[in-house]
N, C-alpha and C. Protein backbone atom coordinates (compact mmCIF):
# COMPACT_ATOMS: atom_id res chain seq x y z
N MET A 1 -10.60 4.11 -0.27
CA MET A 1 -10.14 3.21 -1.30
C MET A 1 -9.36 2.08 -0.63
N ILE A 2 -9.54 0.88 -1.10
CA ILE A 2 -8.83 -0.29 -0.58
C ILE A 2 -7.89 -0.82 -1.65
N ILE A 3 -6.63 -0.99 -1.28
CA ILE A 3 -5.62 -1.56 -2.16
C ILE A 3 -5.21 -2.91 -1.58
N ASP A 4 -5.59 -3.98 -2.26
CA ASP A 4 -5.29 -5.34 -1.77
C ASP A 4 -4.19 -5.93 -2.64
N LEU A 5 -3.02 -6.13 -2.04
CA LEU A 5 -1.87 -6.66 -2.76
C LEU A 5 -1.56 -8.10 -2.36
N THR A 6 -2.51 -8.77 -1.73
CA THR A 6 -2.25 -10.12 -1.23
C THR A 6 -2.30 -11.19 -2.31
N LYS A 7 -2.96 -10.92 -3.42
CA LYS A 7 -3.04 -11.89 -4.50
C LYS A 7 -1.94 -11.59 -5.52
N ARG A 8 -1.20 -12.62 -5.88
CA ARG A 8 -0.11 -12.44 -6.84
C ARG A 8 -0.66 -12.39 -8.27
N GLU A 9 -0.05 -11.53 -9.09
CA GLU A 9 -0.41 -11.44 -10.49
C GLU A 9 0.84 -11.69 -11.32
N PRO A 10 0.68 -12.23 -12.53
CA PRO A 10 1.85 -12.57 -13.35
C PRO A 10 2.52 -11.34 -13.96
N GLY A 11 3.77 -11.52 -14.33
CA GLY A 11 4.51 -10.49 -15.05
C GLY A 11 5.12 -9.44 -14.15
N CYS A 12 5.91 -8.57 -14.78
CA CYS A 12 6.58 -7.50 -14.05
C CYS A 12 5.59 -6.50 -13.47
N VAL A 13 4.56 -6.20 -14.22
CA VAL A 13 3.57 -5.22 -13.78
C VAL A 13 2.73 -5.79 -12.64
N GLY A 14 2.73 -7.11 -12.49
CA GLY A 14 1.98 -7.75 -11.42
C GLY A 14 2.70 -7.76 -10.08
N HIS A 15 3.97 -7.31 -10.06
CA HIS A 15 4.71 -7.28 -8.80
C HIS A 15 4.03 -6.31 -7.83
N PRO A 16 3.94 -6.67 -6.56
CA PRO A 16 3.23 -5.84 -5.59
C PRO A 16 3.72 -4.39 -5.51
N VAL A 17 5.01 -4.14 -5.68
CA VAL A 17 5.51 -2.76 -5.63
C VAL A 17 4.98 -1.96 -6.82
N MET A 18 5.00 -2.57 -8.00
CA MET A 18 4.47 -1.89 -9.20
C MET A 18 2.98 -1.63 -9.05
N ARG A 19 2.24 -2.62 -8.57
CA ARG A 19 0.80 -2.46 -8.40
C ARG A 19 0.49 -1.39 -7.36
N LEU A 20 1.27 -1.35 -6.27
CA LEU A 20 1.05 -0.33 -5.25
C LEU A 20 1.27 1.06 -5.81
N ASN A 21 2.35 1.26 -6.57
CA ASN A 21 2.59 2.57 -7.18
C ASN A 21 1.45 2.98 -8.09
N MET A 22 0.99 2.06 -8.93
CA MET A 22 -0.12 2.38 -9.85
C MET A 22 -1.38 2.75 -9.08
N ARG A 23 -1.71 1.96 -8.07
CA ARG A 23 -2.94 2.20 -7.30
C ARG A 23 -2.85 3.48 -6.48
N LEU A 24 -1.66 3.81 -5.96
CA LEU A 24 -1.52 5.07 -5.21
C LEU A 24 -1.67 6.27 -6.14
N ARG A 25 -1.22 6.16 -7.38
CA ARG A 25 -1.46 7.23 -8.36
C ARG A 25 -2.95 7.40 -8.60
N GLU A 26 -3.68 6.28 -8.68
CA GLU A 26 -5.13 6.33 -8.87
C GLU A 26 -5.84 6.91 -7.65
N ALA A 27 -5.22 6.81 -6.48
CA ALA A 27 -5.85 7.23 -5.22
C ALA A 27 -5.69 8.72 -4.95
N GLN A 28 -5.18 9.47 -5.89
CA GLN A 28 -4.94 10.89 -5.65
C GLN A 28 -6.23 11.65 -5.31
N GLY A 29 -7.38 11.17 -5.74
CA GLY A 29 -8.64 11.83 -5.43
C GLY A 29 -9.25 11.41 -4.10
N TYR A 30 -8.59 10.52 -3.38
CA TYR A 30 -9.13 9.99 -2.12
C TYR A 30 -8.41 10.62 -0.93
N ASP A 31 -9.13 10.73 0.18
CA ASP A 31 -8.54 11.25 1.41
C ASP A 31 -7.97 10.14 2.28
N GLU A 32 -8.51 8.91 2.13
CA GLU A 32 -8.04 7.79 2.93
C GLU A 32 -7.85 6.55 2.05
N VAL A 33 -6.84 5.77 2.40
CA VAL A 33 -6.52 4.55 1.66
C VAL A 33 -6.18 3.46 2.67
N LYS A 34 -6.69 2.26 2.41
CA LYS A 34 -6.37 1.08 3.22
C LYS A 34 -5.55 0.15 2.33
N ILE A 35 -4.35 -0.22 2.78
CA ILE A 35 -3.45 -1.06 1.99
C ILE A 35 -3.26 -2.38 2.73
N ILE A 36 -3.55 -3.49 2.03
CA ILE A 36 -3.40 -4.83 2.59
C ILE A 36 -2.31 -5.54 1.79
N PHE A 37 -1.31 -6.08 2.49
CA PHE A 37 -0.20 -6.72 1.78
C PHE A 37 0.47 -7.77 2.66
N ASN A 38 1.28 -8.60 2.03
CA ASN A 38 2.06 -9.62 2.73
C ASN A 38 3.48 -9.08 2.95
N VAL A 39 3.98 -9.19 4.17
CA VAL A 39 5.32 -8.68 4.47
C VAL A 39 6.41 -9.49 3.77
N ASP A 40 6.09 -10.69 3.29
CA ASP A 40 7.06 -11.45 2.50
C ASP A 40 7.24 -10.85 1.11
N ASP A 41 6.21 -10.17 0.60
CA ASP A 41 6.26 -9.56 -0.73
C ASP A 41 6.87 -8.17 -0.71
N ILE A 42 6.50 -7.37 0.29
CA ILE A 42 6.99 -5.99 0.42
C ILE A 42 7.22 -5.73 1.91
N PRO A 43 8.41 -5.24 2.27
CA PRO A 43 8.63 -4.88 3.68
C PRO A 43 7.75 -3.68 4.07
N VAL A 44 7.34 -3.64 5.31
CA VAL A 44 6.47 -2.56 5.80
C VAL A 44 7.12 -1.21 5.58
N ASP A 45 8.42 -1.10 5.85
CA ASP A 45 9.11 0.18 5.67
C ASP A 45 9.04 0.67 4.22
N ALA A 46 9.14 -0.25 3.27
CA ALA A 46 9.08 0.13 1.85
C ALA A 46 7.69 0.66 1.50
N VAL A 47 6.65 0.03 2.02
CA VAL A 47 5.28 0.50 1.75
C VAL A 47 5.09 1.89 2.35
N GLU A 48 5.59 2.11 3.55
CA GLU A 48 5.45 3.42 4.19
C GLU A 48 6.17 4.52 3.40
N ILE A 49 7.33 4.19 2.83
CA ILE A 49 8.06 5.16 2.01
C ILE A 49 7.25 5.52 0.76
N LEU A 50 6.69 4.51 0.09
CA LEU A 50 5.89 4.76 -1.11
C LEU A 50 4.64 5.57 -0.78
N VAL A 51 4.03 5.28 0.35
CA VAL A 51 2.83 6.01 0.78
C VAL A 51 3.16 7.49 0.95
N ARG A 52 4.28 7.78 1.61
CA ARG A 52 4.69 9.19 1.82
C ARG A 52 5.00 9.89 0.51
N ARG A 53 5.62 9.18 -0.43
CA ARG A 53 5.95 9.77 -1.73
C ARG A 53 4.69 10.19 -2.50
N HIS A 54 3.59 9.52 -2.22
CA HIS A 54 2.34 9.83 -2.92
C HIS A 54 1.44 10.76 -2.12
N GLY A 55 1.97 11.37 -1.07
CA GLY A 55 1.23 12.40 -0.34
C GLY A 55 0.33 11.90 0.77
N PHE A 56 0.54 10.69 1.24
CA PHE A 56 -0.25 10.13 2.34
C PHE A 56 0.65 9.94 3.56
N PHE A 57 0.05 9.74 4.71
CA PHE A 57 0.79 9.34 5.90
C PHE A 57 0.06 8.16 6.54
N VAL A 58 0.78 7.37 7.31
CA VAL A 58 0.20 6.18 7.94
C VAL A 58 -0.43 6.59 9.27
N LYS A 59 -1.75 6.40 9.37
CA LYS A 59 -2.48 6.70 10.61
C LYS A 59 -2.40 5.54 11.58
N ASN A 60 -2.49 4.33 11.05
CA ASN A 60 -2.53 3.14 11.89
C ASN A 60 -1.97 1.96 11.12
N ARG A 61 -1.38 1.01 11.87
CA ARG A 61 -0.80 -0.18 11.26
C ARG A 61 -1.25 -1.39 12.06
N GLU A 62 -1.74 -2.42 11.36
CA GLU A 62 -2.13 -3.68 11.99
C GLU A 62 -1.40 -4.81 11.27
N CYS A 63 -0.50 -5.48 11.98
CA CYS A 63 0.22 -6.61 11.40
C CYS A 63 -0.12 -7.86 12.19
N ASP A 64 -0.53 -8.90 11.47
CA ASP A 64 -0.89 -10.17 12.08
C ASP A 64 -0.21 -11.27 11.28
N GLY A 65 0.90 -11.76 11.79
CA GLY A 65 1.64 -12.78 11.05
C GLY A 65 2.27 -12.17 9.81
N LYS A 66 1.97 -12.74 8.66
CA LYS A 66 2.55 -12.27 7.40
C LYS A 66 1.73 -11.17 6.73
N THR A 67 0.50 -10.95 7.19
CA THR A 67 -0.38 -9.96 6.58
C THR A 67 -0.34 -8.66 7.38
N CYS A 68 -0.25 -7.56 6.66
CA CYS A 68 -0.21 -6.26 7.31
C CYS A 68 -1.24 -5.35 6.63
N VAL A 69 -1.87 -4.48 7.43
CA VAL A 69 -2.84 -3.52 6.93
C VAL A 69 -2.40 -2.14 7.39
N LEU A 70 -2.26 -1.23 6.42
CA LEU A 70 -1.94 0.16 6.73
C LEU A 70 -3.15 1.03 6.43
N TYR A 71 -3.51 1.87 7.38
CA TYR A 71 -4.58 2.85 7.19
C TYR A 71 -3.90 4.19 6.97
N CYS A 72 -4.07 4.76 5.79
CA CYS A 72 -3.37 5.97 5.41
C CYS A 72 -4.35 7.10 5.13
N ALA A 73 -3.88 8.33 5.36
CA ALA A 73 -4.70 9.51 5.11
C ALA A 73 -3.87 10.52 4.31
N ARG A 74 -4.55 11.39 3.64
CA ARG A 74 -3.91 12.43 2.84
C ARG A 74 -3.25 13.44 3.76
N GLU A 75 -2.03 13.85 3.43
CA GLU A 75 -1.36 14.89 4.22
C GLU A 75 -1.99 16.24 3.89
N SER A 76 -2.15 17.05 4.91
CA SER A 76 -2.80 18.37 4.72
C SER A 76 -1.87 19.39 4.14
């Protein structure tokens, strides 16, 4: 599953943190998740905390400038 948070959406529910939480809840049936986000919108540490809360761990991280990609897998 790919979660792309790089495009801004209006309203409170459109905030990247809210969208990430919603999408991670939807990802409960997946073993792997790829999260793409801007570090100006959400700090990397905050995304990693949310990922762990939803039962995933970060396998790999690629940050290039303001864009970061986390490759996450389900914890066993």
